Amino acid sequence: MALDYFVLVFVASMGVYQIVAIYAKLDGMCLFKQRPLQYFFGVLAIVGAFGWFFTTEERNIQHTVEGSQQLGLFLGAIVASWVVTGILASIIQAKVDSTANAPTEGKQYKLGIENLKTRTLLGAIFSSLQKERKDKV
């Protein structure tokens, strides 16, 4: 039951991240260049995860997952899903466009989630590390 719940939240949150990336224009977290395809993937992941979870086994029996364990599984799954989504998007976009992670002139370093509007997760991390190195010199 615990693994099933983790997979449910992991897959569903991947779908949510894809839909949110469209709305917030976070191109660095997008798995697809085409917005309709990305939206379809997001909805399919959410509906598919819940459909799989509630139709595969009898879910009305007593299980050993308690509230605090469920919270830990939930938080672990959404963080793992965010990291996996960021890494997958970085790999996919690196293969599609190798200049996507290069800093632009002028505002080279944005802070926080704004960085994901123009860079992938790995690109933002490397850019941040370069900025720290330049600041120390």
Protein backbone atom coordinates (compact mmCIF):
# COMPACT_ATOMS: atom_id res chain seq x y z
CA MET A 1 0.00 0.00 0.00
CA ALA A 2 2.80 2.44 0.83
CA LEU A 3 4.55 1.91 -2.49
CA ASP A 4 1.22 2.21 -4.34
CA TYR A 5 0.51 5.52 -2.61
CA PHE A 6 4.03 6.82 -3.38
CA VAL A 7 3.64 5.94 -7.08
CA LEU A 8 0.18 7.55 -7.19
CA VAL A 9 1.44 10.84 -5.80
CA PHE A 10 4.66 10.73 -7.84
CA VAL A 11 2.92 10.25 -11.20
CA ALA A 12 0.04 12.61 -10.41
CA SER A 13 2.41 15.36 -9.29
CA MET A 14 4.43 14.96 -12.49
CA GLY A 15 1.22 15.68 -14.36
CA VAL A 16 0.47 18.67 -12.15
CA TYR A 17 3.98 20.06 -12.71
CA GLN A 18 3.49 19.86 -16.48
CA ILE A 19 0.17 21.70 -16.35
CA VAL A 20 1.56 24.33 -13.97
CA ALA A 21 4.61 24.80 -16.20
CA ILE A 22 2.26 25.79 -19.03
CA TYR A 23 0.34 28.26 -16.87
CA ALA A 24 3.44 29.83 -15.24
CA LYS A 25 5.48 29.74 -18.48
CA LEU A 26 8.25 27.72 -16.82
CA ASP A 27 9.84 26.48 -20.03
CA GLY A 28 12.68 24.89 -18.07
CA MET A 29 10.30 22.33 -16.56
CA CYS A 30 8.50 21.42 -19.80
CA LEU A 31 8.91 17.90 -21.12
CA PHE A 32 7.36 18.79 -24.48
CA LYS A 33 7.71 21.80 -26.78
CA GLN A 34 4.07 21.58 -27.91
CA ARG A 35 1.73 22.99 -25.26
CA PRO A 36 -1.29 20.79 -26.18
CA LEU A 37 0.85 17.65 -25.96
CA GLN A 38 2.21 18.74 -22.59
CA TYR A 39 -1.28 19.54 -21.30
CA PHE A 40 -2.53 16.15 -22.54
CA PHE A 41 0.39 14.40 -20.81
CA GLY A 42 -0.38 16.22 -17.56
CA VAL A 43 -4.06 15.33 -17.58
CA LEU A 44 -3.31 11.75 -18.64
CA ALA A 45 -0.78 11.35 -15.81
CA ILE A 46 -3.22 12.63 -13.19
CA VAL A 47 -6.22 10.65 -14.41
CA GLY A 48 -4.12 7.56 -15.11
CA ALA A 49 -2.50 7.59 -11.67
CA PHE A 50 -5.81 7.85 -9.83
CA GLY A 51 -7.48 5.37 -12.16
CA TRP A 52 -4.69 2.84 -11.59
CA PHE A 53 -4.62 3.39 -7.83
CA PHE A 54 -8.34 2.96 -7.23
CA THR A 55 -9.03 0.14 -9.69
CA THR A 56 -6.14 -2.28 -9.14
CA GLU A 57 -6.82 -3.52 -5.60
CA GLU A 58 -9.42 -3.45 -2.88
CA ARG A 59 -8.74 -0.14 -1.11
CA ASN A 60 -11.38 -0.43 1.64
CA ILE A 61 -9.42 -2.86 3.80
CA GLN A 62 -7.27 -1.78 6.76
CA HIS A 63 -3.68 -1.04 5.78
CA THR A 64 -0.58 -0.31 7.79
CA VAL A 65 0.05 3.21 6.41
CA GLU A 66 -0.66 5.70 9.19
CA GLY A 67 -1.13 9.45 8.93
CA SER A 68 2.46 10.47 9.65
CA GLN A 69 3.77 7.82 7.26
CA GLN A 70 1.35 9.00 4.62
CA LEU A 71 2.58 12.59 5.03
CA GLY A 72 6.18 11.42 4.65
CA LEU A 73 5.29 9.43 1.54
CA PHE A 74 3.41 12.40 0.09
CA LEU A 75 6.23 14.87 0.68
CA GLY A 76 8.85 12.42 -0.55
CA ALA A 77 6.86 11.71 -3.71
CA ILE A 78 6.28 15.35 -4.65
CA VAL A 79 9.93 16.27 -4.05
CA ALA A 80 11.15 13.21 -5.99
CA SER A 81 8.72 14.03 -8.79
CA TRP A 82 9.97 17.63 -8.98
CA VAL A 83 13.59 16.49 -9.14
CA VAL A 84 12.88 13.79 -11.75
CA THR A 85 10.80 16.23 -13.83
CA GLY A 86 13.60 18.80 -13.70
CA ILE A 87 16.27 16.28 -14.67
CA LEU A 88 14.16 14.79 -17.48
CA ALA A 89 13.35 18.26 -18.83
CA SER A 90 17.05 19.18 -18.67
CA ILE A 91 18.05 16.05 -20.58
CA ILE A 92 15.29 16.38 -23.18
CA GLN A 93 15.90 20.08 -23.77
CA ALA A 94 19.67 19.61 -23.91
CA LYS A 95 19.19 17.14 -26.75
CA VAL A 96 16.77 19.47 -28.54
CA ASP A 97 18.62 22.78 -28.07
CA SER A 98 22.12 22.89 -26.63
CA THR A 99 22.07 26.71 -26.29
CA ALA A 100 19.00 26.78 -24.05
CA ASN A 101 21.06 26.85 -20.86
CA ALA A 102 23.47 29.57 -21.98
CA PRO A 103 23.08 32.81 -20.01
CA THR A 104 21.55 35.69 -21.90
CA GLU A 105 23.16 39.12 -22.06
CA GLY A 106 22.13 41.69 -19.50
CA LYS A 107 20.28 39.86 -16.78
CA GLN A 108 22.49 36.81 -16.62
CA TYR A 109 21.38 35.53 -13.25
CA LYS A 110 17.79 35.39 -12.10
CA LEU A 111 16.91 34.17 -8.66
CA GLY A 112 14.55 31.41 -7.60
CA ILE A 113 11.85 29.92 -9.75
CA GLU A 114 12.07 32.80 -12.24
CA ASN A 115 15.23 31.12 -13.48
CA LEU A 116 13.14 28.19 -14.76
CA LYS A 117 11.40 30.47 -17.26
CA THR A 118 14.52 30.59 -19.39
CA ARG A 119 16.68 27.68 -18.16
CA THR A 120 16.27 24.07 -17.23
CA LEU A 121 16.78 22.91 -13.65
CA LEU A 122 20.32 21.67 -14.27
CA GLY A 123 21.12 24.80 -16.27
CA ALA A 124 19.90 26.99 -13.43
CA ILE A 125 21.96 25.05 -10.89
CA PHE A 126 25.12 25.32 -13.00
CA SER A 127 24.45 29.01 -13.64
CA SER A 128 24.04 29.62 -9.92
CA LEU A 129 27.29 27.79 -9.17
CA GLN A 130 29.10 29.89 -11.80
CA LYS A 131 27.68 33.08 -10.26
CA GLU A 132 28.93 32.05 -6.79
CA ARG A 133 32.36 31.29 -8.22
CA LYS A 134 32.52 34.70 -9.94
CA ASP A 135 31.35 36.48 -6.78
CA LYS A 136 34.16 34.90 -4.73
CA VAL A 137 36.87 35.97 -7.17
